[in-house]
Amino acid sequence: MTISVPAGAHHVGAYVARDNDVSANFKQIKFSMQVGKFDVARRLYETGALRKDLRAQASKLPIGLDDAIGAALTAGKADAAETGLMVFFAALARDLALEADRRLADMQALPAARVAGGAKILEAIWRYYNLVDFAVSQRDPKAATAVRLAFDEAEGYAKAQTPAPERMRAPLTQIARVLTGVIEASAPPARNAGGV
């Protein structure tokens, strides 16, 4: 089984972003898989906030992702379930990075406000990416390193004394680009309507 605790506290010391309903549900599912309770993991997935959010985001996700995760949980295939969950959280982090870039590009707002908004979204990016950093690292170590380095760079610009929203944009677009590659490489294969 390849499910494991996410890759440590990273660059921010002991800081871990607070859970929301989606990240808390992921941790419940992951723990259930770790202890071999796939029936519990499947129920938590089917009834939880994670799947509800996944379905709400379906138009931005690979086709068949929900079915692939559910089938992996039913079959007790931890690696396949973990891959599907990784794709979902990578997509959430990617979309947040794109949103942060859009907000940082908004010339109507003051630079300090743009950076503050970008920093808030950066925290949400880390909340989601940190959950699957270990899984990404196992499958594509170069991508995982690139995301962490880009995150560190963006965080440095967010904490700079002089607000520089334009400089913060490049690492965010790098995060989005790298995570798009992770998603494309790990998406479940398209299936026929009746296939499993």
N, C-alpha and C. Protein backbone atom coordinates (compact mmCIF):
# COMPACT_ATOMS: atom_id res chain seq x y z
N MET A 1 0.85 -1.17 0.00
CA MET A 1 0.00 0.00 0.00
C MET A 1 0.89 1.23 0.00
N THR A 2 0.60 2.22 -0.85
CA THR A 2 1.46 3.39 -0.96
C THR A 2 0.92 4.61 -0.23
N ILE A 3 -0.25 4.52 0.38
CA ILE A 3 -0.80 5.65 1.11
C ILE A 3 0.12 5.95 2.28
N SER A 4 0.43 7.19 2.46
CA SER A 4 1.32 7.56 3.56
C SER A 4 0.99 8.97 4.02
N VAL A 5 1.59 9.34 5.11
CA VAL A 5 1.40 10.69 5.63
C VAL A 5 2.03 11.66 4.65
N PRO A 6 1.40 12.83 4.36
CA PRO A 6 1.99 13.78 3.44
C PRO A 6 3.40 14.17 3.86
N ALA A 7 4.16 14.64 2.90
CA ALA A 7 5.58 14.91 3.09
C ALA A 7 5.86 16.04 4.05
N GLY A 8 5.65 15.81 5.29
CA GLY A 8 6.13 16.68 6.34
C GLY A 8 5.63 18.10 6.31
N ALA A 9 6.27 18.88 7.16
CA ALA A 9 5.82 20.25 7.38
C ALA A 9 6.36 21.22 6.35
N HIS A 10 7.30 20.78 5.51
CA HIS A 10 7.78 21.60 4.42
C HIS A 10 8.49 22.84 4.95
N HIS A 11 8.44 23.88 4.20
CA HIS A 11 9.20 25.09 4.45
C HIS A 11 8.62 25.97 5.54
N VAL A 12 7.42 25.74 5.96
CA VAL A 12 6.76 26.64 6.91
C VAL A 12 6.81 26.10 8.33
N GLY A 13 7.85 25.36 8.66
CA GLY A 13 7.98 24.85 10.02
C GLY A 13 6.90 23.85 10.31
N ALA A 14 6.24 24.02 11.43
CA ALA A 14 5.20 23.08 11.84
C ALA A 14 3.83 23.50 11.34
N TYR A 15 3.75 24.54 10.53
CA TYR A 15 2.47 25.05 10.05
C TYR A 15 1.80 24.08 9.09
N VAL A 16 0.55 23.80 9.34
CA VAL A 16 -0.27 23.05 8.41
C VAL A 16 -1.59 23.82 8.30
N ALA A 17 -2.01 24.09 7.07
CA ALA A 17 -3.24 24.84 6.87
C ALA A 17 -4.41 24.12 7.53
N ARG A 18 -5.33 24.90 8.10
CA ARG A 18 -6.49 24.31 8.76
C ARG A 18 -7.34 23.54 7.77
N ASP A 19 -7.91 22.46 8.24
CA ASP A 19 -8.77 21.65 7.40
C ASP A 19 -10.09 22.36 7.12
N ASN A 20 -10.63 22.09 5.95
CA ASN A 20 -12.02 22.41 5.67
C ASN A 20 -12.73 21.06 5.53
N ASP A 21 -14.00 21.06 5.15
CA ASP A 21 -14.75 19.80 5.07
C ASP A 21 -14.15 18.83 4.06
N VAL A 22 -13.64 19.37 2.95
CA VAL A 22 -13.09 18.51 1.90
C VAL A 22 -11.79 17.86 2.35
N SER A 23 -10.88 18.65 2.92
CA SER A 23 -9.60 18.07 3.35
C SER A 23 -9.79 17.13 4.54
N ALA A 24 -10.72 17.45 5.42
CA ALA A 24 -11.00 16.55 6.56
C ALA A 24 -11.56 15.22 6.06
N ASN A 25 -12.46 15.26 5.07
CA ASN A 25 -13.03 14.04 4.51
C ASN A 25 -11.94 13.21 3.82
N PHE A 26 -11.02 13.86 3.12
CA PHE A 26 -9.90 13.15 2.50
C PHE A 26 -9.10 12.39 3.56
N LYS A 27 -8.81 13.04 4.68
CA LYS A 27 -8.02 12.39 5.73
C LYS A 27 -8.76 11.19 6.31
N GLN A 28 -10.07 11.29 6.43
CA GLN A 28 -10.87 10.16 6.92
C GLN A 28 -10.79 8.99 5.93
N ILE A 29 -10.94 9.30 4.65
CA ILE A 29 -10.87 8.26 3.62
C ILE A 29 -9.49 7.61 3.62
N LYS A 30 -8.46 8.45 3.66
CA LYS A 30 -7.08 7.94 3.62
C LYS A 30 -6.79 7.05 4.83
N PHE A 31 -7.23 7.46 6.02
CA PHE A 31 -7.00 6.65 7.21
C PHE A 31 -7.72 5.31 7.09
N SER A 32 -8.95 5.34 6.60
CA SER A 32 -9.71 4.10 6.42
C SER A 32 -8.99 3.15 5.46
N MET A 33 -8.41 3.69 4.39
CA MET A 33 -7.65 2.84 3.46
C MET A 33 -6.40 2.30 4.13
N GLN A 34 -5.72 3.12 4.90
CA GLN A 34 -4.48 2.68 5.56
C GLN A 34 -4.71 1.50 6.48
N VAL A 35 -5.87 1.46 7.14
CA VAL A 35 -6.15 0.36 8.05
C VAL A 35 -6.95 -0.76 7.38
N GLY A 36 -7.08 -0.67 6.04
CA GLY A 36 -7.72 -1.74 5.29
C GLY A 36 -9.23 -1.76 5.36
N LYS A 37 -9.85 -0.68 5.78
CA LYS A 37 -11.32 -0.61 5.88
C LYS A 37 -11.88 0.07 4.63
N PHE A 38 -11.80 -0.66 3.51
CA PHE A 38 -12.22 -0.06 2.24
C PHE A 38 -13.72 0.16 2.16
N ASP A 39 -14.49 -0.66 2.90
CA ASP A 39 -15.94 -0.43 2.92
C ASP A 39 -16.24 0.91 3.60
N VAL A 40 -15.52 1.21 4.66
CA VAL A 40 -15.69 2.49 5.35
C VAL A 40 -15.21 3.63 4.45
N ALA A 41 -14.05 3.43 3.81
CA ALA A 41 -13.51 4.46 2.91
C ALA A 41 -14.51 4.76 1.79
N ARG A 42 -15.10 3.73 1.25
CA ARG A 42 -16.08 3.91 0.15
C ARG A 42 -17.29 4.69 0.66
N ARG A 43 -17.79 4.34 1.84
CA ARG A 43 -18.95 5.07 2.39
C ARG A 43 -18.60 6.52 2.67
N LEU A 44 -17.42 6.76 3.24
CA LEU A 44 -16.98 8.13 3.51
C LEU A 44 -16.84 8.93 2.22
N TYR A 45 -16.38 8.26 1.17
CA TYR A 45 -16.26 8.93 -0.13
C TYR A 45 -17.63 9.22 -0.71
N GLU A 46 -18.51 8.22 -0.70
CA GLU A 46 -19.83 8.39 -1.33
C GLU A 46 -20.68 9.45 -0.65
N THR A 47 -20.53 9.61 0.66
CA THR A 47 -21.40 10.52 1.41
C THR A 47 -20.72 11.81 1.85
N GLY A 48 -19.44 11.96 1.55
CA GLY A 48 -18.68 13.07 2.11
C GLY A 48 -18.58 14.31 1.25
N ALA A 49 -17.97 15.32 1.84
CA ALA A 49 -17.79 16.62 1.20
C ALA A 49 -16.85 16.55 0.00
N LEU A 50 -15.89 15.63 0.03
CA LEU A 50 -14.93 15.52 -1.06
C LEU A 50 -15.64 15.17 -2.37
N ARG A 51 -16.46 14.15 -2.34
CA ARG A 51 -17.16 13.74 -3.57
C ARG A 51 -18.15 14.81 -4.02
N LYS A 52 -18.80 15.44 -3.07
CA LYS A 52 -19.73 16.52 -3.43
C LYS A 52 -18.99 17.62 -4.17
N ASP A 53 -17.80 17.99 -3.68
CA ASP A 53 -17.01 19.03 -4.34
C ASP A 53 -16.48 18.52 -5.68
N LEU A 54 -16.06 17.26 -5.73
CA LEU A 54 -15.57 16.68 -6.97
C LEU A 54 -16.66 16.75 -8.05
N ARG A 55 -17.87 16.41 -7.68
CA ARG A 55 -18.96 16.45 -8.65
C ARG A 55 -19.27 17.88 -9.08
N ALA A 56 -19.17 18.82 -8.15
CA ALA A 56 -19.41 20.23 -8.49
C ALA A 56 -18.35 20.76 -9.46
N GLN A 57 -17.15 20.19 -9.39
CA GLN A 57 -16.03 20.62 -10.23
C GLN A 57 -15.86 19.74 -11.47
N ALA A 58 -16.78 18.82 -11.72
CA ALA A 58 -16.61 17.78 -12.74
C ALA A 58 -16.20 18.33 -14.11
N SER A 59 -16.70 19.50 -14.48
CA SER A 59 -16.38 20.02 -15.81
C SER A 59 -14.91 20.38 -15.96
N LYS A 60 -14.19 20.55 -14.85
CA LYS A 60 -12.77 20.91 -14.90
C LYS A 60 -11.86 19.71 -14.62
N LEU A 61 -12.47 18.55 -14.42
CA LEU A 61 -11.71 17.35 -14.04
C LEU A 61 -11.70 16.33 -15.17
N PRO A 62 -10.74 15.40 -15.14
CA PRO A 62 -10.74 14.35 -16.15
C PRO A 62 -12.04 13.54 -16.12
N ILE A 63 -12.52 13.17 -17.28
CA ILE A 63 -13.74 12.38 -17.39
C ILE A 63 -13.53 11.03 -16.69
N GLY A 64 -14.52 10.64 -15.91
CA GLY A 64 -14.47 9.33 -15.26
C GLY A 64 -13.73 9.30 -13.93
N LEU A 65 -13.29 10.45 -13.43
CA LEU A 65 -12.52 10.46 -12.19
C LEU A 65 -13.34 9.94 -11.01
N ASP A 66 -14.57 10.40 -10.88
CA ASP A 66 -15.43 9.97 -9.78
C ASP A 66 -15.64 8.45 -9.83
N ASP A 67 -15.95 7.94 -11.02
CA ASP A 67 -16.15 6.49 -11.17
C ASP A 67 -14.88 5.71 -10.85
N ALA A 68 -13.73 6.24 -11.29
CA ALA A 68 -12.46 5.54 -11.07
C ALA A 68 -12.13 5.46 -9.58
N ILE A 69 -12.36 6.54 -8.84
CA ILE A 69 -12.09 6.53 -7.40
C ILE A 69 -13.03 5.55 -6.71
N GLY A 70 -14.32 5.63 -7.04
CA GLY A 70 -15.30 4.72 -6.44
C GLY A 70 -14.99 3.26 -6.73
N ALA A 71 -14.63 2.96 -7.97
CA ALA A 71 -14.32 1.57 -8.34
C ALA A 71 -13.08 1.08 -7.61
N ALA A 72 -12.06 1.95 -7.47
CA ALA A 72 -10.84 1.56 -6.76
C ALA A 72 -11.13 1.27 -5.29
N LEU A 73 -11.98 2.08 -4.68
CA LEU A 73 -12.33 1.85 -3.28
C LEU A 73 -13.13 0.56 -3.12
N THR A 74 -14.05 0.31 -4.05
CA THR A 74 -14.84 -0.92 -4.01
C THR A 74 -13.95 -2.15 -4.15
N ALA A 75 -12.95 -2.06 -5.02
CA ALA A 75 -12.04 -3.18 -5.28
C ALA A 75 -10.91 -3.28 -4.26
N GLY A 76 -10.81 -2.31 -3.34
CA GLY A 76 -9.74 -2.33 -2.35
C GLY A 76 -8.37 -2.02 -2.95
N LYS A 77 -8.34 -1.24 -4.02
CA LYS A 77 -7.09 -0.89 -4.69
C LYS A 77 -6.62 0.48 -4.22
N ALA A 78 -5.80 0.46 -3.18
CA ALA A 78 -5.36 1.70 -2.55
C ALA A 78 -4.59 2.60 -3.51
N ASP A 79 -3.70 2.01 -4.31
CA ASP A 79 -2.88 2.83 -5.19
C ASP A 79 -3.73 3.56 -6.22
N ALA A 80 -4.70 2.87 -6.80
CA ALA A 80 -5.58 3.50 -7.79
C ALA A 80 -6.45 4.58 -7.15
N ALA A 81 -6.97 4.30 -5.94
CA ALA A 81 -7.78 5.30 -5.24
C ALA A 81 -6.94 6.53 -4.91
N GLU A 82 -5.71 6.28 -4.43
CA GLU A 82 -4.81 7.39 -4.09
C GLU A 82 -4.50 8.23 -5.33
N THR A 83 -4.30 7.58 -6.46
CA THR A 83 -4.01 8.32 -7.69
C THR A 83 -5.19 9.20 -8.08
N GLY A 84 -6.39 8.67 -8.01
CA GLY A 84 -7.58 9.46 -8.32
C GLY A 84 -7.74 10.65 -7.38
N LEU A 85 -7.53 10.42 -6.10
CA LEU A 85 -7.63 11.51 -5.12
C LEU A 85 -6.53 12.54 -5.36
N MET A 86 -5.34 12.07 -5.72
CA MET A 86 -4.24 12.99 -6.04
C MET A 86 -4.62 13.89 -7.21
N VAL A 87 -5.21 13.31 -8.24
CA VAL A 87 -5.62 14.09 -9.41
C VAL A 87 -6.63 15.16 -9.00
N PHE A 88 -7.57 14.80 -8.15
CA PHE A 88 -8.58 15.77 -7.70
C PHE A 88 -7.93 16.93 -6.96
N PHE A 89 -7.07 16.64 -5.99
CA PHE A 89 -6.46 17.72 -5.22
C PHE A 89 -5.46 18.52 -6.04
N ALA A 90 -4.78 17.88 -6.97
CA ALA A 90 -3.90 18.62 -7.88
C ALA A 90 -4.72 19.60 -8.72
N ALA A 91 -5.91 19.16 -9.14
CA ALA A 91 -6.78 20.05 -9.92
C ALA A 91 -7.28 21.22 -9.08
N LEU A 92 -7.63 20.96 -7.82
CA LEU A 92 -8.05 22.06 -6.94
C LEU A 92 -6.92 23.08 -6.78
N ALA A 93 -5.71 22.58 -6.53
CA ALA A 93 -4.56 23.48 -6.34
C ALA A 93 -4.26 24.23 -7.63
N ARG A 94 -4.32 23.55 -8.77
CA ARG A 94 -4.09 24.20 -10.07
C ARG A 94 -5.09 25.33 -10.29
N ASP A 95 -6.37 25.06 -10.05
CA ASP A 95 -7.40 26.08 -10.29
C ASP A 95 -7.23 27.27 -9.35
N LEU A 96 -6.81 27.01 -8.13
CA LEU A 96 -6.55 28.11 -7.19
C LEU A 96 -5.35 28.94 -7.66
N ALA A 97 -4.33 28.28 -8.18
CA ALA A 97 -3.16 29.02 -8.68
C ALA A 97 -3.56 29.92 -9.85
N LEU A 98 -4.41 29.42 -10.73
CA LEU A 98 -4.89 30.23 -11.85
C LEU A 98 -5.74 31.40 -11.37
N GLU A 99 -6.57 31.16 -10.35
CA GLU A 99 -7.38 32.23 -9.78
C GLU A 99 -6.50 33.29 -9.12
N ALA A 100 -5.49 32.87 -8.39
CA ALA A 100 -4.57 33.82 -7.77
C ALA A 100 -3.87 34.66 -8.84
N ASP A 101 -3.45 34.02 -9.93
CA ASP A 101 -2.80 34.76 -11.01
C ASP A 101 -3.75 35.80 -11.59
N ARG A 102 -5.02 35.45 -11.80
CA ARG A 102 -6.00 36.41 -12.32
C ARG A 102 -6.15 37.60 -11.38
N ARG A 103 -6.23 37.33 -10.10
CA ARG A 103 -6.39 38.42 -9.13
C ARG A 103 -5.15 39.30 -9.05
N LEU A 104 -3.99 38.68 -9.13
CA LEU A 104 -2.75 39.46 -9.09
C LEU A 104 -2.61 40.34 -10.33
N ALA A 105 -3.22 39.94 -11.43
CA ALA A 105 -3.15 40.71 -12.68
C ALA A 105 -4.15 41.87 -12.70
N ASP A 106 -5.04 41.94 -11.74
CA ASP A 106 -6.08 42.97 -11.70
C ASP A 106 -5.48 44.33 -11.36
N MET A 107 -5.30 45.15 -12.38
CA MET A 107 -4.65 46.45 -12.19
C MET A 107 -5.58 47.47 -11.50
N GLN A 108 -6.83 47.11 -11.30
CA GLN A 108 -7.77 48.01 -10.62
C GLN A 108 -7.50 48.07 -9.12
N ALA A 109 -6.91 47.00 -8.58
CA ALA A 109 -6.66 46.93 -7.13
C ALA A 109 -5.25 47.42 -6.82
N LEU A 110 -5.07 47.91 -5.61
CA LEU A 110 -3.75 48.35 -5.16
C LEU A 110 -2.81 47.15 -5.04
N PRO A 111 -1.51 47.34 -5.29
CA PRO A 111 -0.57 46.23 -5.22
C PRO A 111 -0.62 45.47 -3.89
N ALA A 112 -0.72 46.17 -2.78
CA ALA A 112 -0.75 45.50 -1.47
C ALA A 112 -1.98 44.61 -1.35
N ALA A 113 -3.12 45.09 -1.85
CA ALA A 113 -4.35 44.29 -1.79
C ALA A 113 -4.25 43.07 -2.70
N ARG A 114 -3.63 43.24 -3.86
CA ARG A 114 -3.46 42.12 -4.78
C ARG A 114 -2.57 41.05 -4.15
N VAL A 115 -1.49 41.46 -3.52
CA VAL A 115 -0.58 40.51 -2.88
C VAL A 115 -1.26 39.82 -1.70
N ALA A 116 -2.02 40.59 -0.91
CA ALA A 116 -2.72 40.00 0.24
C ALA A 116 -3.72 38.94 -0.22
N GLY A 117 -4.45 39.25 -1.30
CA GLY A 117 -5.38 38.27 -1.85
C GLY A 117 -4.67 37.05 -2.38
N GLY A 118 -3.55 37.28 -3.06
CA GLY A 118 -2.75 36.17 -3.57
C GLY A 118 -2.21 35.29 -2.47
N ALA A 119 -1.79 35.93 -1.36
CA ALA A 119 -1.26 35.17 -0.21
C ALA A 119 -2.34 34.30 0.42
N LYS A 120 -3.55 34.81 0.47
CA LYS A 120 -4.65 34.03 1.05
C LYS A 120 -4.95 32.80 0.18
N ILE A 121 -4.94 32.99 -1.13
CA ILE A 121 -5.17 31.86 -2.03
C ILE A 121 -3.99 30.89 -1.96
N LEU A 122 -2.77 31.42 -1.79
CA LEU A 122 -1.59 30.57 -1.67
C LEU A 122 -1.74 29.61 -0.49
N GLU A 123 -2.31 30.09 0.60
CA GLU A 123 -2.55 29.23 1.76
C GLU A 123 -3.51 28.09 1.41
N ALA A 124 -4.55 28.41 0.64
CA ALA A 124 -5.51 27.39 0.23
C ALA A 124 -4.85 26.38 -0.73
N ILE A 125 -3.98 26.88 -1.61
CA ILE A 125 -3.25 25.98 -2.51
C ILE A 125 -2.47 24.97 -1.68
N TRP A 126 -1.75 25.48 -0.67
CA TRP A 126 -0.94 24.58 0.14
C TRP A 126 -1.80 23.60 0.92
N ARG A 127 -2.97 24.03 1.41
CA ARG A 127 -3.85 23.11 2.14
C ARG A 127 -4.15 21.89 1.28
N TYR A 128 -4.46 22.11 0.01
CA TYR A 128 -4.81 20.99 -0.86
C TYR A 128 -3.58 20.24 -1.37
N TYR A 129 -2.57 20.97 -1.81
CA TYR A 129 -1.41 20.28 -2.38
C TYR A 129 -0.68 19.45 -1.32
N ASN A 130 -0.57 19.96 -0.12
CA ASN A 130 0.14 19.26 0.95
C ASN A 130 -0.46 17.87 1.21
N LEU A 131 -1.76 17.73 0.98
CA LEU A 131 -2.41 16.43 1.19
C LEU A 131 -1.89 15.36 0.24
N VAL A 132 -1.45 15.78 -0.94
CA VAL A 132 -1.05 14.81 -1.96
C VAL A 132 0.40 14.96 -2.39
N ASP A 133 1.16 15.78 -1.69
CA ASP A 133 2.56 15.99 -2.05
C ASP A 133 3.32 14.67 -2.07
N PHE A 134 3.08 13.82 -1.09
CA PHE A 134 3.77 12.53 -1.03
C PHE A 134 3.42 11.67 -2.25
N ALA A 135 2.13 11.65 -2.61
CA ALA A 135 1.70 10.86 -3.76
C ALA A 135 2.31 11.41 -5.05
N VAL A 136 2.34 12.73 -5.20
CA VAL A 136 2.96 13.33 -6.38
C VAL A 136 4.45 13.00 -6.40
N SER A 137 5.11 13.10 -5.24
CA SER A 137 6.55 12.82 -5.15
C SER A 137 6.87 11.40 -5.59
N GLN A 138 6.01 10.44 -5.23
CA GLN A 138 6.24 9.05 -5.62
C GLN A 138 6.12 8.84 -7.12
N ARG A 139 5.19 9.56 -7.73
CA ARG A 139 4.92 9.36 -9.15
C ARG A 139 5.77 10.24 -10.06
N ASP A 140 6.08 11.45 -9.58
CA ASP A 140 6.84 12.40 -10.40
C ASP A 140 7.63 13.32 -9.48
N PRO A 141 8.79 12.86 -9.00
CA PRO A 141 9.58 13.66 -8.06
C PRO A 141 9.96 15.04 -8.60
N LYS A 142 10.22 15.13 -9.90
CA LYS A 142 10.58 16.43 -10.47
C LYS A 142 9.41 17.41 -10.38
N ALA A 143 8.21 16.93 -10.65
CA ALA A 143 7.02 17.78 -10.56
C ALA A 143 6.80 18.24 -9.12
N ALA A 144 6.93 17.31 -8.17
CA ALA A 144 6.73 17.66 -6.77
C ALA A 144 7.73 18.73 -6.33
N THR A 145 8.98 18.56 -6.73
CA THR A 145 10.00 19.55 -6.38
C THR A 145 9.70 20.89 -7.02
N ALA A 146 9.27 20.88 -8.28
CA ALA A 146 8.95 22.12 -8.99
C ALA A 146 7.81 22.86 -8.30
N VAL A 147 6.79 22.13 -7.86
CA VAL A 147 5.66 22.77 -7.18
C VAL A 147 6.12 23.38 -5.86
N ARG A 148 6.90 22.64 -5.09
CA ARG A 148 7.36 23.16 -3.79
C ARG A 148 8.24 24.39 -3.98
N LEU A 149 9.14 24.36 -4.96
CA LEU A 149 10.02 25.51 -5.21
C LEU A 149 9.21 26.73 -5.66
N ALA A 150 8.25 26.52 -6.53
CA ALA A 150 7.41 27.63 -6.99
C ALA A 150 6.57 28.18 -5.85
N PHE A 151 6.07 27.28 -5.00
CA PHE A 151 5.31 27.73 -3.83
C PHE A 151 6.20 28.59 -2.92
N ASP A 152 7.41 28.12 -2.65
CA ASP A 152 8.34 28.89 -1.81
C ASP A 152 8.61 30.27 -2.41
N GLU A 153 8.79 30.31 -3.72
CA GLU A 153 9.06 31.59 -4.38
C GLU A 153 7.87 32.53 -4.25
N ALA A 154 6.68 32.03 -4.52
CA ALA A 154 5.47 32.85 -4.39
C ALA A 154 5.28 33.33 -2.96
N GLU A 155 5.54 32.43 -2.01
CA GLU A 155 5.41 32.80 -0.60
C GLU A 155 6.41 33.89 -0.23
N GLY A 156 7.62 33.82 -0.77
CA GLY A 156 8.61 34.86 -0.52
C GLY A 156 8.14 36.22 -1.02
N TYR A 157 7.55 36.27 -2.21
CA TYR A 157 7.01 37.53 -2.73
C TYR A 157 5.83 38.01 -1.90
N ALA A 158 5.04 37.07 -1.40
CA ALA A 158 3.88 37.45 -0.58
C ALA A 158 4.30 38.09 0.73
N LYS A 159 5.47 37.68 1.24
CA LYS A 159 5.95 38.19 2.54
C LYS A 159 6.90 39.38 2.40
N ALA A 160 7.23 39.75 1.16
CA ALA A 160 8.17 40.85 0.94
C ALA A 160 7.61 42.17 1.48
N GLN A 161 8.49 43.03 1.95
CA GLN A 161 8.04 44.32 2.49
C GLN A 161 7.43 45.21 1.42
N THR A 162 7.97 45.15 0.21
CA THR A 162 7.41 45.94 -0.88
C THR A 162 6.54 45.02 -1.73
N PRO A 163 5.22 45.29 -1.80
CA PRO A 163 4.33 44.43 -2.58
C PRO A 163 4.74 44.39 -4.05
N ALA A 164 4.87 43.18 -4.57
CA ALA A 164 5.24 43.00 -5.98
C ALA A 164 4.35 41.94 -6.62
N PRO A 165 3.08 42.30 -6.89
CA PRO A 165 2.15 41.31 -7.43
C PRO A 165 2.61 40.71 -8.76
N GLU A 166 3.26 41.47 -9.59
CA GLU A 166 3.70 40.95 -10.89
C GLU A 166 4.74 39.85 -10.72
N ARG A 167 5.61 39.99 -9.75
CA ARG A 167 6.65 38.97 -9.52
C ARG A 167 6.03 37.69 -8.96
N MET A 168 4.94 37.82 -8.23
CA MET A 168 4.28 36.67 -7.62
C MET A 168 3.57 35.80 -8.66
N ARG A 169 3.26 36.37 -9.81
CA ARG A 169 2.49 35.66 -10.83
C ARG A 169 3.26 34.50 -11.45
N ALA A 170 4.54 34.67 -11.72
CA ALA A 170 5.30 33.62 -12.42
C ALA A 170 5.32 32.30 -11.66
N PRO A 171 5.61 32.29 -10.35
CA PRO A 171 5.57 30.99 -9.67
C PRO A 171 4.18 30.38 -9.60
N LEU A 172 3.15 31.20 -9.56
CA LEU A 172 1.79 30.66 -9.56
C LEU A 172 1.45 30.02 -10.90
N THR A 173 1.86 30.63 -11.99
CA THR A 173 1.61 29.99 -13.29
C THR A 173 2.46 28.73 -13.44
N GLN A 174 3.64 28.72 -12.81
CA GLN A 174 4.47 27.51 -12.81
C GLN A 174 3.76 26.37 -12.06
N ILE A 175 3.18 26.68 -10.91
CA ILE A 175 2.42 25.68 -10.15
C ILE A 175 1.30 25.12 -11.02
N ALA A 176 0.53 26.01 -11.67
CA ALA A 176 -0.59 25.58 -12.50
C ALA A 176 -0.10 24.71 -13.65
N ARG A 177 1.00 25.09 -14.30
CA ARG A 177 1.53 24.34 -15.43
C ARG A 177 1.98 22.94 -15.01
N VAL A 178 2.73 22.88 -13.91
CA VAL A 178 3.25 21.58 -13.45
C VAL A 178 2.11 20.67 -13.00
N LEU A 179 1.15 21.21 -12.28
CA LEU A 179 0.03 20.38 -11.82
C LEU A 179 -0.84 19.92 -12.98
N THR A 180 -0.95 20.72 -14.02
CA THR A 180 -1.68 20.28 -15.22
C THR A 180 -1.00 19.04 -15.80
N GLY A 181 0.32 19.04 -15.84
CA GLY A 181 1.06 17.87 -16.32
C GLY A 181 0.83 16.65 -15.44
N VAL A 182 0.81 16.85 -14.13
CA VAL A 182 0.55 15.74 -13.19
C VAL A 182 -0.84 15.16 -13.44
N ILE A 183 -1.81 16.04 -13.60
CA ILE A 183 -3.19 15.60 -13.83
C ILE A 183 -3.29 14.80 -15.12
N GLU A 184 -2.71 15.34 -16.19
CA GLU A 184 -2.78 14.67 -17.48
C GLU A 184 -2.09 13.31 -17.46
N ALA A 185 -0.97 13.22 -16.75
CA ALA A 185 -0.22 11.96 -16.69
C ALA A 185 -0.91 10.91 -15.83
N SER A 186 -1.74 11.34 -14.88
CA SER A 186 -2.32 10.41 -13.91
C SER A 186 -3.82 10.21 -14.04
N ALA A 187 -4.45 10.91 -14.98
CA ALA A 187 -5.91 10.81 -15.13
C ALA A 187 -6.30 9.38 -15.49
N PRO A 188 -7.48 8.95 -15.03
CA PRO A 188 -7.93 7.60 -15.39
C PRO A 188 -8.18 7.53 -16.89
N PRO A 189 -7.93 6.37 -17.49
CA PRO A 189 -8.20 6.26 -18.92
C PRO A 189 -9.69 6.40 -19.19
N ALA A 190 -10.02 7.00 -20.32
CA ALA A 190 -11.43 7.15 -20.68
C ALA A 190 -12.03 5.76 -20.88
N ARG A 191 -13.26 5.61 -20.41
CA ARG A 191 -13.93 4.31 -20.49
C ARG A 191 -15.19 4.43 -21.33
N ASN A 192 -15.60 3.32 -21.88
CA ASN A 192 -16.88 3.29 -22.57
C ASN A 192 -17.99 3.47 -21.54
N ALA A 193 -19.12 3.96 -21.99
CA ALA A 193 -20.22 4.24 -21.07
C ALA A 193 -20.57 3.05 -20.20
N GLY A 194 -20.53 1.85 -20.74
CA GLY A 194 -20.89 0.67 -19.96
C GLY A 194 -19.70 -0.02 -19.32
N GLY A 195 -18.48 0.47 -19.60
CA GLY A 195 -17.29 -0.22 -19.12
C GLY A 195 -16.99 0.03 -17.67
N VAL A 196 -16.12 -0.81 -17.10
CA VAL A 196 -15.70 -0.66 -15.71
C VAL A 196 -14.20 -0.59 -15.66
